[in-house]
Amino acid sequence: MDHTNSIQRLYDVINAGDLDGFSRQLADDFVEHDGVPELPPTKAGVVQYFQMLIAAFPDRHVKVEDVIACGDKAVARVQVTGTHKGEFMGIPATGKSAAVALIDITRFSDDGLAREHWGVVDMFALLQQLGVIPAAPPA
């Protein structure tokens, strides 16, 4: 089964700010392999993370650059943009805009529900854009 549409549905509900819809796309036994240390690596923990993300970046938008689907997994390269208007992981709102690259690997079941997720996000770039850490000097 090609899970290109399965992973796109996840991004569509995130872009819409539809946490209930997002939650319905996750299996009850969902496992997050690269989550936030303070949150459980479960469906509930991931939904809680996205509540924080939406509150901090209310205008966030996920743009899918590439999707590769094979077997029960889909890999997506995405660009997330947004304006930091609320506290995020202890960082007070800065009002600054940011654009961050992500790689998501999601395992789906035949019903299209996400079962597992692994992800890589360029947090260093995000923190630089928010002014939390200094930008690197030009080479």
N, C-alpha and C. Protein backbone atom coordinates (compact mmCIF):
# COMPACT_ATOMS: atom_id res chain seq x y z
N MET A 1 0.85 -1.19 0.00
CA MET A 1 0.00 0.00 0.00
C MET A 1 0.89 1.24 0.00
N ASP A 2 0.54 2.22 -0.82
CA ASP A 2 1.28 3.48 -0.91
C ASP A 2 0.70 4.44 0.14
N HIS A 3 1.53 4.83 1.10
CA HIS A 3 1.06 5.69 2.18
C HIS A 3 1.37 7.17 1.96
N THR A 4 1.56 7.56 0.71
CA THR A 4 1.75 8.97 0.38
C THR A 4 0.57 9.80 0.88
N ASN A 5 -0.64 9.32 0.61
CA ASN A 5 -1.84 10.05 1.05
C ASN A 5 -1.98 10.01 2.56
N SER A 6 -1.56 8.93 3.20
CA SER A 6 -1.67 8.81 4.66
C SER A 6 -0.85 9.90 5.35
N ILE A 7 0.39 10.09 4.89
CA ILE A 7 1.24 11.09 5.53
C ILE A 7 0.76 12.51 5.18
N GLN A 8 0.25 12.69 3.96
CA GLN A 8 -0.26 14.01 3.58
C GLN A 8 -1.45 14.39 4.45
N ARG A 9 -2.32 13.42 4.80
CA ARG A 9 -3.46 13.71 5.67
C ARG A 9 -3.00 14.25 7.02
N LEU A 10 -1.90 13.71 7.54
CA LEU A 10 -1.36 14.21 8.82
C LEU A 10 -1.01 15.69 8.70
N TYR A 11 -0.32 16.06 7.63
CA TYR A 11 0.07 17.46 7.45
C TYR A 11 -1.15 18.35 7.22
N ASP A 12 -2.14 17.84 6.51
CA ASP A 12 -3.34 18.64 6.24
C ASP A 12 -4.06 19.00 7.53
N VAL A 13 -4.22 18.04 8.45
CA VAL A 13 -4.93 18.35 9.70
C VAL A 13 -4.08 19.23 10.60
N ILE A 14 -2.75 19.08 10.55
CA ILE A 14 -1.87 19.97 11.33
C ILE A 14 -1.99 21.39 10.79
N ASN A 15 -1.96 21.55 9.47
CA ASN A 15 -2.09 22.89 8.88
C ASN A 15 -3.43 23.53 9.23
N ALA A 16 -4.47 22.70 9.34
CA ALA A 16 -5.79 23.21 9.68
C ALA A 16 -5.94 23.49 11.18
N GLY A 17 -4.96 23.07 11.97
CA GLY A 17 -5.07 23.24 13.42
C GLY A 17 -6.10 22.31 14.04
N ASP A 18 -6.42 21.23 13.35
CA ASP A 18 -7.46 20.29 13.76
C ASP A 18 -6.84 19.17 14.61
N LEU A 19 -6.72 19.42 15.91
CA LEU A 19 -6.11 18.43 16.79
C LEU A 19 -6.94 17.16 16.93
N ASP A 20 -8.26 17.29 16.89
CA ASP A 20 -9.10 16.10 16.93
C ASP A 20 -8.88 15.25 15.68
N GLY A 21 -8.83 15.91 14.53
CA GLY A 21 -8.55 15.20 13.28
C GLY A 21 -7.18 14.56 13.29
N PHE A 22 -6.20 15.28 13.84
CA PHE A 22 -4.84 14.74 13.96
C PHE A 22 -4.85 13.50 14.84
N SER A 23 -5.52 13.59 15.97
CA SER A 23 -5.59 12.47 16.91
C SER A 23 -6.23 11.25 16.25
N ARG A 24 -7.25 11.48 15.43
CA ARG A 24 -7.92 10.36 14.75
C ARG A 24 -7.02 9.68 13.72
N GLN A 25 -5.94 10.35 13.28
CA GLN A 25 -5.02 9.77 12.32
C GLN A 25 -3.95 8.91 12.98
N LEU A 26 -3.92 8.90 14.32
CA LEU A 26 -2.92 8.13 15.07
C LEU A 26 -3.58 6.90 15.69
N ALA A 27 -2.92 5.76 15.57
CA ALA A 27 -3.41 4.53 16.20
C ALA A 27 -3.36 4.70 17.72
N ASP A 28 -4.23 4.02 18.42
CA ASP A 28 -4.27 4.12 19.88
C ASP A 28 -2.94 3.71 20.52
N ASP A 29 -2.24 2.77 19.88
CA ASP A 29 -0.95 2.31 20.42
C ASP A 29 0.24 2.98 19.72
N PHE A 30 0.02 4.18 19.19
CA PHE A 30 1.05 4.95 18.50
C PHE A 30 2.29 5.12 19.39
N VAL A 31 3.47 5.04 18.75
CA VAL A 31 4.74 5.22 19.47
C VAL A 31 5.54 6.32 18.78
N GLU A 32 5.96 7.32 19.57
CA GLU A 32 6.83 8.40 19.10
C GLU A 32 8.25 8.05 19.53
N HIS A 33 9.15 7.90 18.56
CA HIS A 33 10.53 7.51 18.86
C HIS A 33 11.45 8.70 19.10
N ASP A 34 11.07 9.88 18.67
CA ASP A 34 11.94 11.06 18.82
C ASP A 34 11.17 12.23 19.40
N GLY A 35 10.51 12.01 20.51
CA GLY A 35 9.66 13.03 21.10
C GLY A 35 10.39 13.97 22.03
N VAL A 36 9.61 14.77 22.70
CA VAL A 36 10.10 15.73 23.69
C VAL A 36 10.27 14.97 25.01
N PRO A 37 11.42 15.12 25.68
CA PRO A 37 11.67 14.34 26.90
C PRO A 37 10.60 14.49 27.98
N GLU A 38 9.95 15.62 28.09
CA GLU A 38 8.96 15.84 29.15
C GLU A 38 7.61 15.19 28.84
N LEU A 39 7.42 14.71 27.61
CA LEU A 39 6.12 14.16 27.21
C LEU A 39 6.23 12.66 26.96
N PRO A 40 5.16 11.92 27.25
CA PRO A 40 5.21 10.48 26.98
C PRO A 40 5.28 10.22 25.48
N PRO A 41 5.96 9.15 25.06
CA PRO A 41 6.10 8.84 23.63
C PRO A 41 4.88 8.11 23.08
N THR A 42 3.71 8.66 23.37
CA THR A 42 2.44 8.02 23.04
C THR A 42 1.58 8.95 22.19
N LYS A 43 0.43 8.45 21.80
CA LYS A 43 -0.54 9.26 21.07
C LYS A 43 -0.88 10.52 21.88
N ALA A 44 -1.17 10.35 23.16
CA ALA A 44 -1.52 11.49 24.01
C ALA A 44 -0.37 12.49 24.10
N GLY A 45 0.85 12.00 24.20
CA GLY A 45 2.01 12.88 24.28
C GLY A 45 2.22 13.67 23.01
N VAL A 46 2.02 13.04 21.87
CA VAL A 46 2.19 13.73 20.59
C VAL A 46 1.10 14.78 20.40
N VAL A 47 -0.13 14.45 20.78
CA VAL A 47 -1.21 15.44 20.68
C VAL A 47 -0.91 16.62 21.60
N GLN A 48 -0.40 16.36 22.79
CA GLN A 48 -0.03 17.44 23.71
C GLN A 48 1.07 18.32 23.10
N TYR A 49 2.05 17.69 22.45
CA TYR A 49 3.12 18.45 21.79
C TYR A 49 2.54 19.38 20.72
N PHE A 50 1.61 18.86 19.92
CA PHE A 50 1.04 19.69 18.86
C PHE A 50 0.14 20.78 19.43
N GLN A 51 -0.47 20.57 20.59
CA GLN A 51 -1.20 21.65 21.25
C GLN A 51 -0.24 22.79 21.57
N MET A 52 0.94 22.44 22.11
CA MET A 52 1.94 23.46 22.43
C MET A 52 2.43 24.15 21.16
N LEU A 53 2.67 23.37 20.12
CA LEU A 53 3.18 23.91 18.86
C LEU A 53 2.18 24.89 18.24
N ILE A 54 0.92 24.52 18.22
CA ILE A 54 -0.11 25.37 17.64
C ILE A 54 -0.28 26.66 18.45
N ALA A 55 -0.20 26.56 19.77
CA ALA A 55 -0.31 27.74 20.62
C ALA A 55 0.89 28.67 20.41
N ALA A 56 2.07 28.10 20.22
CA ALA A 56 3.28 28.91 20.06
C ALA A 56 3.41 29.49 18.66
N PHE A 57 2.97 28.75 17.66
CA PHE A 57 3.08 29.16 16.26
C PHE A 57 1.70 29.05 15.60
N PRO A 58 0.79 29.95 15.94
CA PRO A 58 -0.60 29.80 15.46
C PRO A 58 -0.74 29.87 13.94
N ASP A 59 0.23 30.48 13.26
CA ASP A 59 0.17 30.58 11.80
C ASP A 59 1.06 29.56 11.11
N ARG A 60 1.48 28.52 11.86
CA ARG A 60 2.41 27.55 11.28
C ARG A 60 1.82 26.92 10.04
N HIS A 61 2.73 26.58 9.12
CA HIS A 61 2.32 25.90 7.89
C HIS A 61 3.39 24.88 7.53
N VAL A 62 2.94 23.69 7.21
CA VAL A 62 3.83 22.61 6.79
C VAL A 62 3.71 22.49 5.28
N LYS A 63 4.84 22.66 4.60
CA LYS A 63 4.87 22.50 3.14
C LYS A 63 5.65 21.22 2.84
N VAL A 64 4.99 20.29 2.19
CA VAL A 64 5.63 19.02 1.84
C VAL A 64 6.49 19.24 0.60
N GLU A 65 7.77 18.93 0.74
CA GLU A 65 8.72 19.06 -0.37
C GLU A 65 8.86 17.74 -1.14
N ASP A 66 8.96 16.64 -0.41
CA ASP A 66 9.12 15.32 -1.02
C ASP A 66 8.48 14.27 -0.14
N VAL A 67 7.93 13.22 -0.75
CA VAL A 67 7.45 12.05 -0.03
C VAL A 67 7.94 10.81 -0.77
N ILE A 68 8.50 9.90 0.00
CA ILE A 68 8.89 8.59 -0.53
C ILE A 68 8.16 7.56 0.31
N ALA A 69 7.34 6.75 -0.34
CA ALA A 69 6.58 5.73 0.37
C ALA A 69 6.99 4.35 -0.13
N CYS A 70 7.18 3.45 0.82
CA CYS A 70 7.55 2.07 0.48
C CYS A 70 7.05 1.16 1.59
N GLY A 71 6.30 0.15 1.23
CA GLY A 71 5.78 -0.77 2.23
C GLY A 71 4.88 -0.04 3.21
N ASP A 72 5.14 -0.23 4.51
CA ASP A 72 4.29 0.39 5.52
C ASP A 72 4.83 1.73 6.02
N LYS A 73 5.86 2.27 5.36
CA LYS A 73 6.44 3.54 5.80
C LYS A 73 6.38 4.60 4.71
N ALA A 74 6.31 5.85 5.19
CA ALA A 74 6.42 7.00 4.30
C ALA A 74 7.43 7.95 4.93
N VAL A 75 8.28 8.50 4.08
CA VAL A 75 9.29 9.46 4.51
C VAL A 75 8.96 10.78 3.82
N ALA A 76 8.93 11.85 4.60
CA ALA A 76 8.63 13.16 4.03
C ALA A 76 9.70 14.16 4.43
N ARG A 77 10.07 14.99 3.45
CA ARG A 77 10.93 16.14 3.71
C ARG A 77 10.02 17.34 3.63
N VAL A 78 9.93 18.09 4.74
CA VAL A 78 8.99 19.20 4.79
C VAL A 78 9.68 20.46 5.29
N GLN A 79 9.06 21.58 5.01
CA GLN A 79 9.48 22.89 5.49
C GLN A 79 8.34 23.43 6.35
N VAL A 80 8.65 23.78 7.58
CA VAL A 80 7.64 24.34 8.48
C VAL A 80 7.97 25.81 8.70
N THR A 81 6.99 26.65 8.49
CA THR A 81 7.15 28.08 8.71
C THR A 81 6.13 28.54 9.75
N GLY A 82 6.45 29.61 10.44
CA GLY A 82 5.51 30.16 11.40
C GLY A 82 6.12 31.32 12.16
N THR A 83 5.25 32.02 12.88
CA THR A 83 5.64 33.17 13.69
C THR A 83 5.50 32.78 15.15
N HIS A 84 6.55 33.01 15.92
CA HIS A 84 6.61 32.63 17.33
C HIS A 84 5.80 33.62 18.16
N LYS A 85 4.53 33.29 18.42
CA LYS A 85 3.63 34.21 19.12
C LYS A 85 3.24 33.75 20.51
N GLY A 86 3.73 32.59 20.92
CA GLY A 86 3.43 32.07 22.25
C GLY A 86 4.61 31.28 22.77
N GLU A 87 4.60 30.98 24.06
CA GLU A 87 5.71 30.23 24.65
C GLU A 87 5.86 28.88 23.97
N PHE A 88 7.11 28.51 23.72
CA PHE A 88 7.40 27.21 23.11
C PHE A 88 8.58 26.58 23.83
N MET A 89 8.32 25.49 24.53
CA MET A 89 9.36 24.74 25.24
C MET A 89 10.17 25.67 26.16
N GLY A 90 9.45 26.53 26.88
CA GLY A 90 10.09 27.42 27.83
C GLY A 90 10.62 28.71 27.24
N ILE A 91 10.52 28.89 25.95
CA ILE A 91 11.01 30.11 25.29
C ILE A 91 9.84 31.07 25.11
N PRO A 92 9.90 32.24 25.75
CA PRO A 92 8.80 33.20 25.59
C PRO A 92 8.67 33.66 24.14
N ALA A 93 7.48 34.07 23.77
CA ALA A 93 7.22 34.53 22.40
C ALA A 93 8.22 35.62 22.00
N THR A 94 8.75 35.50 20.79
CA THR A 94 9.70 36.48 20.28
C THR A 94 9.09 37.35 19.18
N GLY A 95 8.00 36.88 18.59
CA GLY A 95 7.40 37.59 17.47
C GLY A 95 8.15 37.39 16.17
N LYS A 96 9.19 36.57 16.20
CA LYS A 96 10.00 36.34 15.00
C LYS A 96 9.45 35.18 14.17
N SER A 97 9.65 35.29 12.87
CA SER A 97 9.27 34.22 11.96
C SER A 97 10.42 33.25 11.81
N ALA A 98 10.08 32.01 11.54
CA ALA A 98 11.10 30.98 11.37
C ALA A 98 10.67 30.01 10.27
N ALA A 99 11.66 29.40 9.65
CA ALA A 99 11.45 28.34 8.67
C ALA A 99 12.42 27.23 9.01
N VAL A 100 11.88 26.04 9.20
CA VAL A 100 12.69 24.92 9.67
C VAL A 100 12.44 23.69 8.81
N ALA A 101 13.51 22.97 8.50
CA ALA A 101 13.42 21.73 7.73
C ALA A 101 13.20 20.56 8.67
N LEU A 102 12.35 19.63 8.24
CA LEU A 102 12.07 18.40 8.99
C LEU A 102 12.14 17.21 8.05
N ILE A 103 12.53 16.08 8.61
CA ILE A 103 12.39 14.79 7.94
C ILE A 103 11.53 13.94 8.86
N ASP A 104 10.43 13.44 8.35
CA ASP A 104 9.54 12.57 9.10
C ASP A 104 9.52 11.19 8.48
N ILE A 105 9.64 10.18 9.31
CA ILE A 105 9.46 8.79 8.89
C ILE A 105 8.30 8.25 9.70
N THR A 106 7.26 7.82 9.04
CA THR A 106 6.07 7.35 9.73
C THR A 106 5.70 5.97 9.22
N ARG A 107 5.43 5.06 10.17
CA ARG A 107 4.96 3.72 9.83
C ARG A 107 3.45 3.70 9.99
N PHE A 108 2.77 3.21 8.98
CA PHE A 108 1.31 3.17 8.96
C PHE A 108 0.81 1.73 8.94
N SER A 109 -0.40 1.55 9.42
CA SER A 109 -1.06 0.26 9.27
C SER A 109 -1.91 0.32 7.99
N ASP A 110 -2.48 -0.80 7.59
CA ASP A 110 -3.24 -0.86 6.34
C ASP A 110 -4.46 0.06 6.35
N ASP A 111 -4.95 0.44 7.54
CA ASP A 111 -6.10 1.34 7.62
C ASP A 111 -5.69 2.81 7.48
N GLY A 112 -4.39 3.06 7.27
CA GLY A 112 -3.89 4.43 7.07
C GLY A 112 -3.57 5.17 8.35
N LEU A 113 -3.72 4.51 9.51
CA LEU A 113 -3.39 5.17 10.77
C LEU A 113 -1.89 5.11 11.03
N ALA A 114 -1.35 6.21 11.56
CA ALA A 114 0.08 6.25 11.92
C ALA A 114 0.30 5.38 13.15
N ARG A 115 1.30 4.50 13.10
CA ARG A 115 1.62 3.60 14.20
C ARG A 115 2.89 4.01 14.93
N GLU A 116 3.88 4.52 14.17
CA GLU A 116 5.16 4.92 14.75
C GLU A 116 5.68 6.12 13.98
N HIS A 117 6.52 6.92 14.67
CA HIS A 117 7.12 8.07 14.02
C HIS A 117 8.55 8.26 14.52
N TRP A 118 9.42 8.56 13.57
CA TRP A 118 10.79 8.98 13.84
C TRP A 118 10.94 10.31 13.11
N GLY A 119 11.64 11.26 13.71
CA GLY A 119 11.77 12.54 13.04
C GLY A 119 13.07 13.24 13.36
N VAL A 120 13.47 14.08 12.42
CA VAL A 120 14.65 14.91 12.58
C VAL A 120 14.23 16.34 12.25
N VAL A 121 14.49 17.24 13.20
CA VAL A 121 14.16 18.65 13.00
C VAL A 121 15.41 19.47 13.28
N ASP A 122 15.61 20.51 12.52
CA ASP A 122 16.78 21.37 12.70
C ASP A 122 16.49 22.39 13.80
N MET A 123 16.52 21.93 15.06
CA MET A 123 16.25 22.80 16.20
C MET A 123 17.29 23.91 16.32
N PHE A 124 18.51 23.64 15.92
CA PHE A 124 19.56 24.66 15.97
C PHE A 124 19.16 25.87 15.12
N ALA A 125 18.68 25.58 13.89
CA ALA A 125 18.25 26.67 13.01
C ALA A 125 17.06 27.41 13.60
N LEU A 126 16.14 26.68 14.21
CA LEU A 126 14.98 27.33 14.83
C LEU A 126 15.43 28.28 15.95
N LEU A 127 16.29 27.79 16.82
CA LEU A 127 16.76 28.61 17.94
C LEU A 127 17.53 29.84 17.45
N GLN A 128 18.30 29.69 16.37
CA GLN A 128 19.00 30.85 15.79
C GLN A 128 18.00 31.87 15.25
N GLN A 129 17.01 31.41 14.53
CA GLN A 129 16.03 32.32 13.93
C GLN A 129 15.20 33.04 14.99
N LEU A 130 14.97 32.37 16.11
CA LEU A 130 14.21 33.00 17.20
C LEU A 130 15.08 33.93 18.03
N GLY A 131 16.40 33.91 17.79
CA GLY A 131 17.32 34.77 18.52
C GLY A 131 17.71 34.22 19.87
N VAL A 132 17.43 32.95 20.13
CA VAL A 132 17.76 32.33 21.40
C VAL A 132 19.26 32.04 21.48
N ILE A 133 19.83 31.65 20.35
CA ILE A 133 21.30 31.47 20.26
C ILE A 133 21.78 32.31 19.09
N PRO A 134 23.02 32.77 19.15
CA PRO A 134 23.52 33.65 18.08
C PRO A 134 23.67 32.88 16.78
N ALA A 135 23.44 33.61 15.70
CA ALA A 135 23.67 33.04 14.37
C ALA A 135 25.17 32.91 14.14
N ALA A 136 25.54 31.94 13.38
CA ALA A 136 26.96 31.74 13.09
C ALA A 136 27.49 32.90 12.26
N PRO A 137 28.72 33.35 12.54
CA PRO A 137 29.30 34.43 11.71
C PRO A 137 29.55 33.92 10.30
N PRO A 138 29.54 34.82 9.32
CA PRO A 138 29.79 34.39 7.93
C PRO A 138 31.19 33.79 7.82
N ALA A 139 31.31 32.81 6.95
CA ALA A 139 32.60 32.12 6.75
C ALA A 139 33.53 32.93 5.91
